[in-house]
C-alpha cells in the first residue's frame, strides 16, 4: 500500500475537530487512493464514513487507474492498461485441490474476458475442465481442437452436449498453463470461447480449442476442475476487455 493510500473516506459532523491529518488526506491526493478495489469498497458506508454516491472518484494502486461511480457500478476513467485489459481478480490455487471456483468474475462492466491460469503444477498429467455458474446440464459444445504433439502428430476431437468444457487447459508435474478468451458470459447471449494450451512433458503437445455454451444465462462465476489428479499452487487471473 502506497504512502497516499486510504482505508476510509471520512464523513465529518457538526462540531467535530478537523485535524491537519484530515486535511492532508484530500490535499495530498486530490481523490481517494486505495490499494485495491476491495479496500475501495470497504471505505464507504461504514461508521463515520461517506455513503457511496454517483460522481465519487477513486484511484486504484493495483491497476493504476482512476475510477468513477456512476450510481450503479465503478467505471474506469484512465489510464487504461496495455491492450485495453483490466485485471479484475486474482485467485490463488491451493494445495492438492481438484477444483477452484472464481466468484464475481463477470459483470455488466465488460462484455469479453481473458482468463490466464499459470504458475502451479499437477500431481499427474491431466486437463482442465471449465463450467460456468452452476450449469452442469448437457449444453456444452466444444470442437475444432487440434493438438500438435512433439512427434508431429496432429489430432482432432470434439464433444457435443457435454456437462463442461473439457480440456481448456493442461497440467503436468512441472507446469500448469492456459489462456482462455471468453465472450459474453454476463450478457443474455450464448457464451463462446477460444483457448490455447501447451503440455510440457515428453510427448506433450500444443493445442487450440473452441466452443460454446448453448444457453443465454448471464453468468458471474466459473469453476475449473481437473480431469484427473490435483493441482497445487499457481493463480487464476481474470481480465476484462474494456468496451471503449
Protein backbone atom coordinates (compact mmCIF):
# COMPACT_ATOMS: atom_id res chain seq x y z
CA UNK A 1 0.00 0.00 0.00
CA UNK A 2 1.45 3.35 -1.08
CA UNK A 3 2.00 6.45 1.03
CA UNK A 4 -1.20 8.08 -0.27
CA UNK A 5 -3.48 5.05 0.11
CA UNK A 6 -6.58 5.40 2.25
CA UNK A 7 -8.72 2.81 4.01
CA UNK A 8 -11.76 5.03 4.62
CA UNK A 9 -13.45 8.17 3.34
CA UNK A 10 -14.36 10.16 6.49
CA UNK A 11 -17.68 11.97 6.87
CA UNK A 12 -17.39 14.90 9.29
CA UNK A 13 -20.16 16.00 11.65
CA UNK A 14 -21.09 19.39 13.06
CA UNK A 15 -18.76 20.45 15.88
CA UNK A 16 -16.12 17.84 15.08
CA UNK A 17 -12.48 18.95 15.27
CA UNK A 18 -10.92 18.99 11.80
CA UNK A 19 -7.25 17.99 12.15
CA UNK A 20 -4.30 18.66 9.90
CA UNK A 21 -4.17 14.93 9.13
CA UNK A 22 -7.78 15.06 7.93
CA UNK A 23 -6.99 17.92 5.63
CA UNK A 24 -3.81 16.35 4.30
CA UNK A 25 -5.65 13.26 3.06
CA UNK A 26 -7.55 15.19 0.40
CA UNK A 27 -4.96 17.93 -0.10
CA UNK A 28 -2.20 15.41 -0.84
CA UNK A 29 -4.06 13.25 -3.35
CA UNK A 30 -6.97 15.15 -4.88
CA UNK A 31 -9.04 11.95 -4.95
CA UNK A 32 -9.10 9.00 -2.52
CA UNK A 33 -6.34 6.48 -3.21
CA UNK A 34 -6.90 2.79 -2.45
CA UNK A 35 -4.62 -0.23 -2.67
CA UNK A 36 -7.26 -2.43 -4.35
CA UNK A 37 -10.93 -2.44 -5.29
CA UNK A 38 -11.56 -4.41 -2.08
CA UNK A 39 -10.26 -1.61 0.16
CA UNK A 40 -12.12 0.90 -2.02
CA UNK A 41 -15.45 -0.87 -1.47
CA UNK A 42 -14.83 -1.18 2.28
CA UNK A 43 -14.16 2.56 2.62
CA UNK A 44 -17.73 3.68 2.01
CA UNK A 45 -20.87 3.34 4.09
CA UNK A 46 -19.37 2.26 7.40
CA UNK A 47 -19.48 4.07 10.72
CA UNK A 48 -18.23 7.62 10.22
CA UNK A 49 -17.69 7.05 6.52
CA UNK A 50 -19.19 8.70 3.47
CA UNK A 51 -22.09 6.98 1.70
CA UNK A 52 -21.10 5.95 -1.82
CA UNK A 53 -22.91 8.15 -4.35
CA UNK A 54 -22.84 8.94 -8.05
CA UNK A 55 -19.82 11.03 -9.06
CA UNK A 56 -17.40 9.63 -6.46
CA UNK A 57 -13.81 9.29 -7.71
CA UNK A 58 -11.12 6.81 -6.67
CA UNK A 59 -7.60 5.85 -7.71
CA UNK A 60 -6.67 2.12 -7.56
CA UNK A 61 -2.98 1.36 -6.97
CA UNK A 62 -3.21 -2.30 -8.05
CA UNK A 63 -4.31 -1.43 -11.60
CA UNK A 64 -3.10 2.20 -11.82
CA UNK A 65 -6.49 3.54 -12.94
CA UNK A 66 -8.84 6.34 -11.95
CA UNK A 67 -12.45 5.24 -11.50
CA UNK A 68 -15.80 6.99 -11.04
CA UNK A 69 -19.03 5.67 -9.56
CA UNK A 70 -22.00 6.09 -11.95
CA UNK A 71 -24.66 5.30 -9.37
CA UNK A 72 -24.66 1.57 -10.11
CA UNK A 73 -21.05 0.44 -10.59
CA UNK A 74 -17.46 1.67 -10.78
CA UNK A 75 -16.22 2.62 -14.25
CA UNK A 76 -12.68 3.35 -15.40
CA UNK A 77 -11.62 6.84 -16.46
CA UNK A 78 -7.97 6.01 -17.24
CA UNK A 79 -5.28 5.41 -17.92
CA UNK A 80 -6.17 2.04 -19.37
CA UNK A 81 -3.76 -0.86 -19.21
CA UNK A 82 -1.96 -2.05 -22.32
CA UNK A 83 -4.25 -3.76 -24.80
CA UNK A 84 -7.41 -2.42 -23.14
CA UNK A 85 -7.27 -5.10 -20.41
CA UNK A 86 -8.16 -4.50 -16.78
CA UNK A 87 -7.26 -7.01 -14.06
CA UNK A 88 -10.47 -7.95 -12.25
CA UNK A 89 -9.36 -10.66 -9.84
CA UNK A 90 -6.52 -12.99 -8.88
CA UNK A 91 -7.40 -16.30 -7.24
CA UNK A 92 -4.65 -18.36 -5.63
CA UNK A 93 -4.90 -22.11 -6.20
CA UNK A 94 -4.49 -24.07 -3.00
CA UNK A 95 -2.63 -27.30 -2.29
CA UNK A 96 -3.79 -30.64 -3.71
CA UNK A 97 -7.17 -29.34 -4.91
CA UNK A 98 -9.28 -30.79 -7.72
CA UNK A 99 -11.50 -27.75 -8.29
CA UNK A 100 -11.36 -23.96 -7.88
CA UNK A 101 -14.34 -21.60 -8.10
CA UNK A 102 -13.89 -17.94 -9.01
CA UNK A 103 -16.85 -15.85 -7.85
CA UNK A 104 -17.77 -12.33 -9.06
CA UNK A 105 -15.60 -12.81 -12.16
CA UNK A 106 -18.05 -11.37 -14.70
CA UNK A 107 -20.28 -8.30 -14.64
CA UNK A 108 -22.01 -5.80 -16.91
CA UNK A 109 -18.83 -3.68 -16.94
CA UNK A 110 -17.20 -5.86 -19.62
CA UNK A 111 -18.55 -7.97 -22.47
CA UNK A 112 -15.47 -10.15 -23.06
CA UNK A 113 -12.77 -11.59 -20.81
CA UNK A 114 -9.33 -13.20 -20.73
CA UNK A 115 -8.56 -15.88 -18.13
CA UNK A 116 -4.97 -16.96 -17.53
CA UNK A 117 -4.12 -19.97 -15.37
CA UNK A 118 -0.42 -20.42 -14.62
CA UNK A 119 2.34 -20.90 -12.10
CA UNK A 120 1.40 -24.20 -10.48
CA UNK A 121 1.65 -27.90 -11.25
CA UNK A 122 -0.36 -31.09 -11.09
CA UNK A 123 0.00 -34.35 -9.24
CA UNK A 124 -0.04 -36.08 -12.64
CA UNK A 125 -0.66 -35.26 -16.29
CA UNK A 126 -4.18 -34.04 -16.95
CA UNK A 127 -6.54 -31.46 -18.41
CA UNK A 128 -8.56 -28.59 -17.00
CA UNK A 129 -12.33 -28.62 -17.39
CA UNK A 130 -14.47 -25.48 -17.13
CA UNK A 131 -18.07 -24.80 -16.09
CA UNK A 132 -19.98 -21.53 -15.89
CA UNK A 133 -22.03 -20.81 -12.77
CA UNK A 134 -23.97 -23.85 -11.58
CA UNK A 135 -24.74 -25.09 -15.11
CA UNK A 136 -23.80 -28.75 -15.47
CA UNK A 137 -26.53 -29.71 -17.96
CA UNK A 138 -25.69 -31.10 -21.38
CA UNK A 139 -25.30 -27.69 -23.03
CA UNK A 140 -21.52 -27.51 -23.52
CA UNK A 141 -20.22 -27.90 -27.06
CA UNK A 142 -16.54 -27.97 -27.94
CA UNK A 143 -14.68 -28.66 -31.14
CA UNK A 144 -12.06 -27.55 -33.61
CA UNK A 145 -9.48 -28.97 -31.20
CA UNK A 146 -6.15 -29.61 -32.90
CA UNK A 147 -3.22 -30.97 -30.96
CA UNK A 148 0.27 -30.98 -32.44
CA UNK A 149 2.39 -33.39 -30.46
CA UNK A 150 6.18 -33.39 -30.29
CA UNK A 151 6.10 -36.43 -32.61
CA UNK A 152 4.45 -34.23 -35.29
CA UNK A 153 1.09 -35.96 -34.94
CA UNK A 154 -2.00 -33.80 -35.46
CA UNK A 155 -5.10 -34.87 -33.56
CA UNK A 156 -8.67 -33.60 -33.56
CA UNK A 157 -11.55 -34.15 -31.21
CA UNK A 158 -14.97 -32.73 -30.40
CA UNK A 159 -17.82 -33.07 -27.92
CA UNK A 160 -21.48 -32.13 -28.01
CA UNK A 161 -23.94 -31.85 -25.17
CA UNK A 162 -21.26 -32.29 -22.51
CA UNK A 163 -21.50 -31.24 -18.85
CA UNK A 164 -18.47 -28.96 -19.05
CA UNK A 165 -15.92 -27.52 -21.43
CA UNK A 166 -13.23 -30.17 -21.25
CA UNK A 167 -9.57 -29.73 -21.99
CA UNK A 168 -9.43 -25.93 -21.78
CA UNK A 169 -6.02 -26.20 -20.16
CA UNK A 170 -3.40 -28.72 -19.30
CA UNK A 171 -1.11 -29.54 -16.42
CA UNK A 172 1.75 -31.85 -15.58
CA UNK A 173 4.14 -32.43 -12.71
CA UNK A 174 6.14 -29.34 -13.72
CA UNK A 175 3.62 -26.94 -15.24
CA UNK A 176 0.09 -25.53 -15.28
CA UNK A 177 -0.98 -23.17 -18.04
CA UNK A 178 -3.80 -22.00 -20.25
CA UNK A 179 -5.06 -18.78 -21.82
CA UNK A 180 -8.84 -18.55 -22.35
CA UNK A 181 -10.72 -15.94 -24.35
CA UNK A 182 -14.33 -15.86 -23.10
CA UNK A 183 -17.04 -13.99 -24.98
CA UNK A 184 -20.29 -12.58 -23.49
CA UNK A 185 -20.56 -14.63 -20.25
CA UNK A 186 -22.57 -11.89 -18.48
CA UNK A 187 -24.77 -10.97 -21.44
CA UNK A 188 -28.08 -12.68 -22.26
CA UNK A 189 -26.37 -14.39 -25.19
CA UNK A 190 -24.69 -17.69 -25.97
CA UNK A 191 -21.24 -17.78 -24.33
CA UNK A 192 -18.36 -18.89 -26.54
CA UNK A 193 -14.63 -19.34 -26.00
CA UNK A 194 -11.26 -19.96 -27.63
CA UNK A 195 -8.22 -21.23 -25.79
CA UNK A 196 -4.59 -22.21 -26.36
CA UNK A 197 -2.62 -24.66 -24.25
CA UNK A 198 0.78 -26.37 -24.05
CA UNK A 199 1.65 -29.56 -22.16
CA UNK A 200 5.32 -29.50 -21.15
CA UNK A 201 6.05 -33.22 -20.95
CA UNK A 202 7.84 -35.77 -23.10
CA UNK A 203 5.34 -36.48 -25.85
CA UNK A 204 3.49 -33.29 -24.95
CA UNK A 205 1.52 -31.12 -27.32
CA UNK A 206 0.27 -27.69 -28.31
CA UNK A 207 -3.47 -27.29 -28.78
CA UNK A 208 -6.18 -24.87 -29.87
CA UNK A 209 -9.74 -25.39 -28.70
CA UNK A 210 -13.04 -23.55 -29.16
CA UNK A 211 -16.67 -24.00 -28.29
CA UNK A 212 -19.85 -22.55 -26.82
CA UNK A 213 -22.40 -22.98 -24.03
CA UNK A 214 -25.83 -23.29 -25.61
CA UNK A 215 -27.87 -21.13 -23.25
CA UNK A 216 -28.32 -17.39 -22.61
CA UNK A 217 -27.82 -17.30 -18.83
CA UNK A 218 -25.93 -14.26 -17.51
CA UNK A 219 -23.06 -15.74 -15.51
CA UNK A 220 -20.91 -14.14 -12.81
CA UNK A 221 -18.74 -17.10 -11.74
CA UNK A 222 -16.90 -20.12 -13.09
CA UNK A 223 -15.26 -23.30 -11.81
CA UNK A 224 -12.14 -25.06 -13.06
CA UNK A 225 -11.80 -28.78 -12.29
CA UNK A 226 -9.17 -31.40 -13.06
CA UNK A 227 -9.78 -34.36 -15.35
CA UNK A 228 -7.61 -36.42 -13.01
CA UNK A 229 -5.35 -35.78 -10.04
CA UNK A 230 -4.97 -32.45 -8.24
CA UNK A 231 -3.39 -29.01 -8.58
CA UNK A 232 -1.00 -27.23 -6.25
CA UNK A 233 -0.02 -23.58 -6.48
CA UNK A 234 -0.43 -21.07 -9.25
CA UNK A 235 -3.06 -18.41 -9.90
CA UNK A 236 -6.20 -17.82 -11.91
CA UNK A 237 -6.26 -14.25 -13.22
CA UNK A 238 -9.36 -12.74 -14.79
CA UNK A 239 -9.07 -9.69 -17.06
CA UNK A 240 -11.85 -7.67 -18.67
CA UNK A 241 -11.59 -6.23 -22.17
CA UNK A 242 -12.59 -2.58 -21.97
CA UNK A 243 -15.63 -1.77 -24.11
CA UNK A 244 -14.30 1.60 -25.18
